[in-house]
Amino acid sequence: MMQICKLLLPVLLCAFSAGASVAADKDGPHPDWPNLNAYRTANSQLSLPAKDERRVVFMGDSITEFWTKAQWHPQHINRGISGQTTPQMLLRFRQDVIELQPSLVVILAGTNDVAGNTGPATTPMIAGNIASMVELAQAHGIRVVLSSVLPASGFYWAPELRPAQQIVELNGQIQTLAKRYGCIYLDYFSPMVNEQLGLKREFSEDGVHPNEVGYITMARLAEKAIAAAFKSAAIRSTRTSSR
């Protein structure tokens, strides 16, 4: 645990200082840059998991936050915040994931980093923040499903960017992280991408956020990944107990 803390300290300090400088305006830095206040009340009202409950938390940005029309299992807790980047998610990961004591977290992050929402971010920087979230989760006995970033050939709020190739590269690194840490890799990208490396029209109206059809497609993929993660954990537990 001490080694993990030493590894994470520079990342957290860098994330905070970078975010503060980007968020600063004439009134100074934003007082709640990671938006810890967004779910503070909801978290305080959430009871501890039941003995046999398989609590699942979804951590992400607007693609997670706006996921309201698809079929959700009642134990799935949505902790998405629109516009957020991975350093912001990392700073609120303890409050919005660890302290909720889930059995599993599904992480979907990176789109807004590629868009530069809190400043320029290289692919290794984004992957590093995701890796830190995985390490924090696993240090607390929380299983992890790592999601691919959804395809996007452009961003309507940053039309000068051409993000498609960086998203492909980032997904490659996320898949590598999943193998390294023994996580399930949830591939949204492959079934939703078009020939221009953007979202297929049937899945999105704005080229970034899924529509109802897109969310229903994602929900089916997510449920399979969650089931696979719990099955894998059960197999490991059986093998361990039989030794």
C-alpha atoms as a PDB file:
ATOM      1  CA  MET A   1       0.000   0.000   0.000  1.00  0.00           C
ATOM      2  CA  MET A   2       2.824   2.402   0.908  1.00  0.00           C
ATOM      3  CA  GLN A   3       4.456   1.783  -2.474  1.00  0.00           C
ATOM      4  CA  ILE A   4       1.178   2.568  -4.276  1.00  0.00           C
ATOM      5  CA  CYS A   5       0.815   5.814  -2.324  1.00  0.00           C
ATOM      6  CA  LYS A   6       4.350   6.866  -3.248  1.00  0.00           C
ATOM      7  CA  LEU A   7       3.627   6.150  -6.905  1.00  0.00           C
ATOM      8  CA  LEU A   8       0.346   8.063  -6.887  1.00  0.00           C
ATOM      9  CA  LEU A   9       1.524  11.185  -5.029  1.00  0.00           C
ATOM     10  CA  PRO A  10       3.335  12.791  -8.022  1.00  0.00           C
ATOM     11  CA  VAL A  11       0.379  11.964 -10.276  1.00  0.00           C
ATOM     12  CA  LEU A  12      -2.116  13.569  -7.919  1.00  0.00           C
ATOM     13  CA  LEU A  13       0.025  16.657  -7.385  1.00  0.00           C
ATOM     14  CA  CYS A  14       0.557  17.047 -11.123  1.00  0.00           C
ATOM     15  CA  ALA A  15      -3.157  16.546 -11.823  1.00  0.00           C
ATOM     16  CA  PHE A  16      -4.162  19.158  -9.268  1.00  0.00           C
ATOM     17  CA  SER A  17      -1.640  21.778 -10.336  1.00  0.00           C
ATOM     18  CA  ALA A  18      -2.373  21.305 -14.028  1.00  0.00           C
ATOM     19  CA  GLY A  19      -6.115  21.483 -13.455  1.00  0.00           C
ATOM     20  CA  ALA A  20      -5.846  24.532 -11.236  1.00  0.00           C
ATOM     21  CA  SER A  21      -3.838  26.422 -13.821  1.00  0.00           C
ATOM     22  CA  VAL A  22      -6.297  25.606 -16.590  1.00  0.00           C
ATOM     23  CA  ALA A  23      -9.375  26.345 -14.505  1.00  0.00           C
ATOM     24  CA  ALA A  24      -7.983  29.624 -13.182  1.00  0.00           C
ATOM     25  CA  ASP A  25      -9.753  32.780 -14.290  1.00  0.00           C
ATOM     26  CA  LYS A  26      -9.935  36.362 -13.044  1.00  0.00           C
ATOM     27  CA  ASP A  27     -11.353  35.105  -9.751  1.00  0.00           C
ATOM     28  CA  GLY A  28      -8.618  32.489  -9.256  1.00  0.00           C
ATOM     29  CA  PRO A  29      -8.737  28.672  -9.415  1.00  0.00           C
ATOM     30  CA  HIS A  30     -12.105  26.929  -9.357  1.00  0.00           C
ATOM     31  CA  PRO A  31     -12.897  26.077  -5.718  1.00  0.00           C
ATOM     32  CA  ASP A  32     -13.999  22.526  -6.559  1.00  0.00           C
ATOM     33  CA  TRP A  33     -12.060  21.571  -9.665  1.00  0.00           C
ATOM     34  CA  PRO A  34     -12.768  17.805  -9.484  1.00  0.00           C
ATOM     35  CA  ASN A  35     -16.435  18.558  -8.603  1.00  0.00           C
ATOM     36  CA  LEU A  36     -16.427  16.595  -5.359  1.00  0.00           C
ATOM     37  CA  ASN A  37     -19.689  18.312  -4.476  1.00  0.00           C
ATOM     38  CA  ALA A  38     -21.623  16.721  -7.350  1.00  0.00           C
ATOM     39  CA  TYR A  39     -22.354  13.429  -5.592  1.00  0.00           C
ATOM     40  CA  ARG A  40     -21.503  14.296  -1.981  1.00  0.00           C
ATOM     41  CA  THR A  41     -25.138  14.290  -0.840  1.00  0.00           C
ATOM     42  CA  ALA A  42     -26.072  11.206  -2.839  1.00  0.00           C
ATOM     43  CA  ASN A  43     -23.069   9.345  -1.446  1.00  0.00           C
ATOM     44  CA  SER A  44     -23.984  10.259   2.132  1.00  0.00           C
ATOM     45  CA  GLN A  45     -27.486   8.881   1.618  1.00  0.00           C
ATOM     46  CA  LEU A  46     -26.272   5.585   0.176  1.00  0.00           C
ATOM     47  CA  SER A  47     -26.312   2.711   2.644  1.00  0.00           C
ATOM     48  CA  LEU A  48     -23.476   0.207   2.920  1.00  0.00           C
ATOM     49  CA  PRO A  49     -23.710  -2.788   0.560  1.00  0.00           C
ATOM     50  CA  ALA A  50     -25.797  -5.723   1.743  1.00  0.00           C
ATOM     51  CA  LYS A  51     -23.911  -8.902   2.604  1.00  0.00           C
ATOM     52  CA  ASP A  52     -24.450 -10.588  -0.774  1.00  0.00           C
ATOM     53  CA  GLU A  53     -24.819  -7.419  -2.855  1.00  0.00           C
ATOM     54  CA  ARG A  54     -22.712  -7.096  -5.981  1.00  0.00           C
ATOM     55  CA  ARG A  55     -22.536  -3.322  -6.034  1.00  0.00           C
ATOM     56  CA  VAL A  56     -21.275  -1.797  -9.289  1.00  0.00           C
ATOM     57  CA  VAL A  57     -20.195   1.826  -9.754  1.00  0.00           C
ATOM     58  CA  PHE A  58     -19.847   3.429 -13.194  1.00  0.00           C
ATOM     59  CA  MET A  59     -17.146   6.131 -13.199  1.00  0.00           C
ATOM     60  CA  GLY A  60     -16.984   8.453 -16.182  1.00  0.00           C
ATOM     61  CA  ASP A  61     -17.879  11.683 -17.932  1.00  0.00           C
ATOM     62  CA  SER A  62     -21.023  12.834 -19.760  1.00  0.00           C
ATOM     63  CA  ILE A  63     -21.290   9.576 -21.693  1.00  0.00           C
ATOM     64  CA  THR A  64     -21.787   7.889 -18.332  1.00  0.00           C
ATOM     65  CA  GLU A  65     -23.799  10.687 -16.695  1.00  0.00           C
ATOM     66  CA  PHE A  66     -26.333  10.884 -19.534  1.00  0.00           C
ATOM     67  CA  TRP A  67     -26.895   7.118 -19.533  1.00  0.00           C
ATOM     68  CA  THR A  68     -30.553   7.328 -18.509  1.00  0.00           C
ATOM     69  CA  LYS A  69     -32.566   5.624 -21.242  1.00  0.00           C
ATOM     70  CA  ALA A  70     -30.922   2.223 -21.332  1.00  0.00           C
ATOM     71  CA  GLN A  71     -31.898  -0.636 -19.048  1.00  0.00           C
ATOM     72  CA  TRP A  72     -29.999  -0.357 -15.753  1.00  0.00           C
ATOM     73  CA  HIS A  73     -29.718  -2.861 -12.979  1.00  0.00           C
ATOM     74  CA  PRO A  74     -30.772  -1.132  -9.722  1.00  0.00           C
ATOM     75  CA  GLN A  75     -27.408  -1.889  -8.119  1.00  0.00           C
ATOM     76  CA  HIS A  76     -25.511   0.055 -10.778  1.00  0.00           C
ATOM     77  CA  ILE A  77     -24.494   3.417  -9.347  1.00  0.00           C
ATOM     78  CA  ASN A  78     -23.849   6.209 -11.861  1.00  0.00           C
ATOM     79  CA  ARG A  79     -20.986   8.551 -10.978  1.00  0.00           C
ATOM     80  CA  GLY A  80     -20.433  10.279 -14.309  1.00  0.00           C
ATOM     81  CA  ILE A  81     -19.830  14.025 -14.552  1.00  0.00           C
ATOM     82  CA  SER A  82     -20.159  15.887 -17.839  1.00  0.00           C
ATOM     83  CA  GLY A  83     -16.957  17.326 -19.287  1.00  0.00           C
ATOM     84  CA  GLN A  84     -14.585  15.605 -16.876  1.00  0.00           C
ATOM     85  CA  THR A  85     -11.078  14.423 -17.647  1.00  0.00           C
ATOM     86  CA  THR A  86      -9.087  11.584 -16.059  1.00  0.00           C
ATOM     87  CA  PRO A  87      -7.181  13.768 -13.556  1.00  0.00           C
ATOM     88  CA  GLN A  88     -10.490  15.077 -12.227  1.00  0.00           C
ATOM     89  CA  MET A  89     -11.870  11.545 -11.941  1.00  0.00           C
ATOM     90  CA  LEU A  90      -8.699  10.417 -10.190  1.00  0.00           C
ATOM     91  CA  LEU A  91      -9.074  13.136  -7.570  1.00  0.00           C
ATOM     92  CA  ARG A  92     -12.672  12.126  -6.787  1.00  0.00           C
ATOM     93  CA  PHE A  93     -12.109   8.370  -7.111  1.00  0.00           C
ATOM     94  CA  ARG A  94     -11.885   7.792  -3.355  1.00  0.00           C
ATOM     95  CA  GLN A  95     -15.110   9.654  -2.584  1.00  0.00           C
ATOM     96  CA  ASP A  96     -17.190   8.480  -5.548  1.00  0.00           C
ATOM     97  CA  VAL A  97     -15.946   4.894  -5.818  1.00  0.00           C
ATOM     98  CA  ILE A  98     -13.846   3.516  -2.949  1.00  0.00           C
ATOM     99  CA  GLU A  99     -15.954   4.880  -0.096  1.00  0.00           C
ATOM    100  CA  LEU A 100     -19.104   3.396  -1.666  1.00  0.00           C
ATOM    101  CA  GLN A 101     -17.549  -0.066  -1.174  1.00  0.00           C
ATOM    102  CA  PRO A 102     -18.546  -1.559  -4.532  1.00  0.00           C
ATOM    103  CA  SER A 103     -17.589  -5.027  -5.654  1.00  0.00           C
ATOM    104  CA  LEU A 104     -16.709  -3.664  -9.088  1.00  0.00           C
ATOM    105  CA  VAL A 105     -16.112  -0.380 -10.890  1.00  0.00           C
ATOM    106  CA  VAL A 106     -16.584   0.222 -14.626  1.00  0.00           C
ATOM    107  CA  ILE A 107     -14.269   3.003 -15.800  1.00  0.00           C
ATOM    108  CA  LEU A 108     -15.013   4.877 -19.024  1.00  0.00           C
ATOM    109  CA  ALA A 109     -12.674   7.848 -19.409  1.00  0.00           C
ATOM    110  CA  GLY A 110     -10.479   9.712 -21.858  1.00  0.00           C
ATOM    111  CA  THR A 111     -12.705  11.449 -24.397  1.00  0.00           C
ATOM    112  CA  ASN A 112     -12.431  14.852 -22.733  1.00  0.00           C
ATOM    113  CA  ASP A 113      -8.690  14.454 -22.212  1.00  0.00           C
ATOM    114  CA  VAL A 114      -8.277  13.972 -25.956  1.00  0.00           C
ATOM    115  CA  ALA A 115     -10.462  17.068 -26.429  1.00  0.00           C
ATOM    116  CA  GLY A 116      -8.166  19.052 -24.128  1.00  0.00           C
ATOM    117  CA  ASN A 117     -10.909  20.060 -21.706  1.00  0.00           C
ATOM    118  CA  THR A 118      -8.409  20.677 -18.896  1.00  0.00           C
ATOM    119  CA  GLY A 119      -5.387  21.320 -21.093  1.00  0.00           C
ATOM    120  CA  PRO A 120      -3.263  19.280 -23.515  1.00  0.00           C
ATOM    121  CA  ALA A 121      -2.953  15.598 -22.597  1.00  0.00           C
ATOM    122  CA  THR A 122      -0.755  12.998 -24.230  1.00  0.00           C
ATOM    123  CA  THR A 123      -1.903   9.416 -24.612  1.00  0.00           C
ATOM    124  CA  PRO A 124       0.571   8.156 -21.947  1.00  0.00           C
ATOM    125  CA  MET A 125      -0.684  10.832 -19.528  1.00  0.00           C
ATOM    126  CA  ILE A 126      -4.282   9.704 -19.966  1.00  0.00           C
ATOM    127  CA  ALA A 127      -3.369   6.026 -19.661  1.00  0.00           C
ATOM    128  CA  GLY A 128      -1.341   6.806 -16.543  1.00  0.00           C
ATOM    129  CA  ASN A 129      -4.333   8.391 -14.809  1.00  0.00           C
ATOM    130  CA  ILE A 130      -6.490   5.399 -15.709  1.00  0.00           C
ATOM    131  CA  ALA A 131      -3.788   3.060 -14.388  1.00  0.00           C
ATOM    132  CA  SER A 132      -3.772   4.980 -11.103  1.00  0.00           C
ATOM    133  CA  MET A 133      -7.524   4.512 -10.749  1.00  0.00           C
ATOM    134  CA  VAL A 134      -7.092   0.786 -11.336  1.00  0.00           C
ATOM    135  CA  GLU A 135      -4.363   0.586  -8.702  1.00  0.00           C
ATOM    136  CA  LEU A 136      -6.499   2.428  -6.166  1.00  0.00           C
ATOM    137  CA  ALA A 137      -9.467   0.141  -6.825  1.00  0.00           C
ATOM    138  CA  GLN A 138      -7.468  -3.069  -6.603  1.00  0.00           C
ATOM    139  CA  ALA A 139      -5.715  -1.909  -3.431  1.00  0.00           C
ATOM    140  CA  HIS A 140      -9.190  -1.824  -1.864  1.00  0.00           C
ATOM    141  CA  GLY A 141     -10.347  -5.169  -3.248  1.00  0.00           C
ATOM    142  CA  ILE A 142     -12.533  -3.671  -5.978  1.00  0.00           C
ATOM    143  CA  ARG A 143     -12.688  -5.488  -9.321  1.00  0.00           C
ATOM    144  CA  VAL A 144     -12.251  -3.326 -12.426  1.00  0.00           C
ATOM    145  CA  VAL A 145     -13.742  -3.291 -15.912  1.00  0.00           C
ATOM    146  CA  LEU A 146     -11.793  -0.988 -18.226  1.00  0.00           C
ATOM    147  CA  SER A 147     -13.857   0.442 -21.077  1.00  0.00           C
ATOM    148  CA  SER A 148     -12.580   1.537 -24.453  1.00  0.00           C
ATOM    149  CA  VAL A 149     -13.149   5.166 -25.398  1.00  0.00           C
ATOM    150  CA  LEU A 150     -16.001   5.513 -27.864  1.00  0.00           C
ATOM    151  CA  PRO A 151     -15.015   6.415 -31.427  1.00  0.00           C
ATOM    152  CA  ALA A 152     -15.123  10.074 -32.454  1.00  0.00           C
ATOM    153  CA  SER A 153     -13.873  11.683 -35.650  1.00  0.00           C
ATOM    154  CA  GLY A 154     -14.468  15.186 -34.283  1.00  0.00           C
ATOM    155  CA  PHE A 155     -15.708  17.212 -31.299  1.00  0.00           C
ATOM    156  CA  TYR A 156     -18.415  19.834 -31.831  1.00  0.00           C
ATOM    157  CA  TRP A 157     -16.972  21.957 -28.980  1.00  0.00           C
ATOM    158  CA  ALA A 158     -13.417  21.721 -30.381  1.00  0.00           C
ATOM    159  CA  PRO A 159     -13.877  21.566 -34.171  1.00  0.00           C
ATOM    160  CA  GLU A 160     -10.175  22.149 -34.881  1.00  0.00           C
ATOM    161  CA  LEU A 161      -9.238  18.748 -33.431  1.00  0.00           C
ATOM    162  CA  ARG A 162      -8.969  15.454 -35.295  1.00  0.00           C
ATOM    163  CA  PRO A 163      -9.169  12.953 -32.424  1.00  0.00           C
ATOM    164  CA  ALA A 164      -9.775   9.652 -34.209  1.00  0.00           C
ATOM    165  CA  GLN A 165      -6.203   8.367 -34.296  1.00  0.00           C
ATOM    166  CA  GLN A 166      -5.391   9.341 -30.715  1.00  0.00           C
ATOM    167  CA  ILE A 167      -8.516   7.503 -29.556  1.00  0.00           C
ATOM    168  CA  VAL A 168      -7.316   4.392 -31.399  1.00  0.00           C
ATOM    169  CA  GLU A 169      -3.911   4.701 -29.708  1.00  0.00           C
ATOM    170  CA  LEU A 170      -5.473   5.312 -26.301  1.00  0.00           C
ATOM    171  CA  ASN A 171      -7.704   2.270 -26.611  1.00  0.00           C
ATOM    172  CA  GLY A 172      -4.644   0.186 -27.400  1.00  0.00           C
ATOM    173  CA  GLN A 173      -3.044   1.362 -24.165  1.00  0.00           C
ATOM    174  CA  ILE A 174      -6.244   0.773 -22.178  1.00  0.00           C
ATOM    175  CA  GLN A 175      -6.383  -2.779 -23.504  1.00  0.00           C
ATOM    176  CA  THR A 176      -2.755  -3.259 -22.488  1.00  0.00           C
ATOM    177  CA  LEU A 177      -3.553  -1.950 -19.006  1.00  0.00           C
ATOM    178  CA  ALA A 178      -6.423  -4.427 -18.726  1.00  0.00           C
ATOM    179  CA  LYS A 179      -4.058  -7.317 -19.462  1.00  0.00           C
ATOM    180  CA  ARG A 180      -1.389  -5.991 -17.094  1.00  0.00           C
ATOM    181  CA  TYR A 181      -3.763  -5.616 -14.163  1.00  0.00           C
ATOM    182  CA  GLY A 182      -5.979  -8.617 -14.882  1.00  0.00           C
ATOM    183  CA  CYS A 183      -9.082  -6.543 -15.685  1.00  0.00           C
ATOM    184  CA  ILE A 184     -11.880  -7.214 -18.135  1.00  0.00           C
ATOM    185  CA  TYR A 185     -11.566  -5.020 -21.235  1.00  0.00           C
ATOM    186  CA  LEU A 186     -14.948  -3.689 -22.363  1.00  0.00           C
ATOM    187  CA  ASP A 187     -14.774  -2.924 -26.076  1.00  0.00           C
ATOM    188  CA  TYR A 188     -17.400  -0.372 -27.063  1.00  0.00           C
ATOM    189  CA  PHE A 189     -15.263   0.898 -29.917  1.00  0.00           C
ATOM    190  CA  SER A 190     -15.313  -2.046 -32.370  1.00  0.00           C
ATOM    191  CA  PRO A 191     -19.093  -2.501 -32.729  1.00  0.00           C
ATOM    192  CA  MET A 192     -19.801   1.256 -32.801  1.00  0.00           C
ATOM    193  CA  VAL A 193     -17.123   2.625 -35.165  1.00  0.00           C
ATOM    194  CA  ASN A 194     -17.674   3.644 -38.788  1.00  0.00           C
ATOM    195  CA  GLU A 195     -15.241   3.764 -41.708  1.00  0.00           C
ATOM    196  CA  GLN A 196     -14.067   7.269 -40.717  1.00  0.00           C
ATOM    197  CA  LEU A 197     -13.260   6.076 -37.162  1.00  0.00           C
ATOM    198  CA  GLY A 198     -16.265   7.988 -35.833  1.00  0.00           C
ATOM    199  CA  LEU A 199     -19.508   6.860 -34.215  1.00  0.00           C
ATOM    200  CA  LYS A 200     -21.978   5.183 -36.550  1.00  0.00           C
ATOM    201  CA  ARG A 201     -24.986   7.398 -37.264  1.00  0.00           C
ATOM    202  CA  GLU A 202     -27.446   4.940 -35.760  1.00  0.00           C
ATOM    203  CA  PHE A 203     -25.708   5.285 -32.390  1.00  0.00           C
ATOM    204  CA  SER A 204     -25.341   9.080 -32.048  1.00  0.00           C
ATOM    205  CA  GLU A 205     -26.854  12.409 -33.026  1.00  0.00           C
ATOM    206  CA  ASP A 206     -23.794  14.578 -32.339  1.00  0.00           C
ATOM    207  CA  GLY A 207     -20.953  12.157 -33.119  1.00  0.00           C
ATOM    208  CA  VAL A 208     -19.849  11.910 -29.474  1.00  0.00           C
ATOM    209  CA  HIS A 209     -22.747  11.084 -27.159  1.00  0.00           C
ATOM    210  CA  PRO A 210     -24.779   7.924 -27.733  1.00  0.00           C
ATOM    211  CA  ASN A 211     -28.495   8.110 -28.430  1.00  0.00           C
ATOM    212  CA  GLU A 212     -30.976   5.611 -27.005  1.00  0.00           C
ATOM    213  CA  VAL A 213     -29.940   2.909 -29.476  1.00  0.00           C
ATOM    214  CA  GLY A 214     -26.300   3.549 -28.649  1.00  0.00           C
ATOM    215  CA  TYR A 215     -26.892   3.300 -24.901  1.00  0.00           C
ATOM    216  CA  ILE A 216     -28.903   0.110 -25.230  1.00  0.00           C
ATOM    217  CA  THR A 217     -26.048  -1.388 -27.266  1.00  0.00           C
ATOM    218  CA  MET A 218     -23.542  -0.272 -24.631  1.00  0.00           C
ATOM    219  CA  ALA A 219     -25.690  -1.650 -21.811  1.00  0.00           C
ATOM    220  CA  ARG A 220     -25.675  -5.120 -23.335  1.00  0.00           C
ATOM    221  CA  LEU A 221     -21.905  -5.038 -23.733  1.00  0.00           C
ATOM    222  CA  ALA A 222     -21.440  -3.694 -20.206  1.00  0.00           C
ATOM    223  CA  GLU A 223     -23.597  -6.389 -18.626  1.00  0.00           C
ATOM    224  CA  LYS A 224     -21.581  -9.097 -20.376  1.00  0.00           C
ATOM    225  CA  ALA A 225     -18.325  -7.548 -19.177  1.00  0.00           C
ATOM    226  CA  ILE A 226     -19.605  -7.261 -15.599  1.00  0.00           C
ATOM    227  CA  ALA A 227     -20.730 -10.894 -15.624  1.00  0.00           C
ATOM    228  CA  ALA A 228     -17.337 -11.949 -16.993  1.00  0.00           C
ATOM    229  CA  ALA A 229     -15.540 -10.017 -14.255  1.00  0.00           C
ATOM    230  CA  PHE A 230     -17.540 -11.684 -11.492  1.00  0.00           C
ATOM    231  CA  LYS A 231     -17.152 -15.104 -13.117  1.00  0.00           C
ATOM    232  CA  SER A 232     -13.395 -14.638 -13.381  1.00  0.00           C
ATOM    233  CA  ALA A 233     -13.221 -13.611  -9.726  1.00  0.00           C
ATOM    234  CA  ALA A 234     -15.270 -16.663  -8.708  1.00  0.00           C
ATOM    235  CA  ILE A 235     -12.947 -18.980 -10.628  1.00  0.00           C
ATOM    236  CA  ARG A 236      -9.872 -17.463  -8.981  1.00  0.00           C
ATOM    237  CA  SER A 237     -11.512 -17.765  -5.573  1.00  0.00           C
ATOM    238  CA  THR A 238     -12.330 -21.443  -6.175  1.00  0.00           C
ATOM    239  CA  ARG A 239      -8.795 -22.206  -7.275  1.00  0.00           C
ATOM    240  CA  THR A 240      -7.354 -20.446  -4.258  1.00  0.00           C
ATOM    241  CA  SER A 241      -9.617 -22.239  -1.770  1.00  0.00           C
ATOM    242  CA  SER A 242      -8.822 -25.644  -3.312  1.00  0.00           C
ATOM    243  CA  ARG A 243      -5.094 -25.298  -2.752  1.00  0.00           C
END
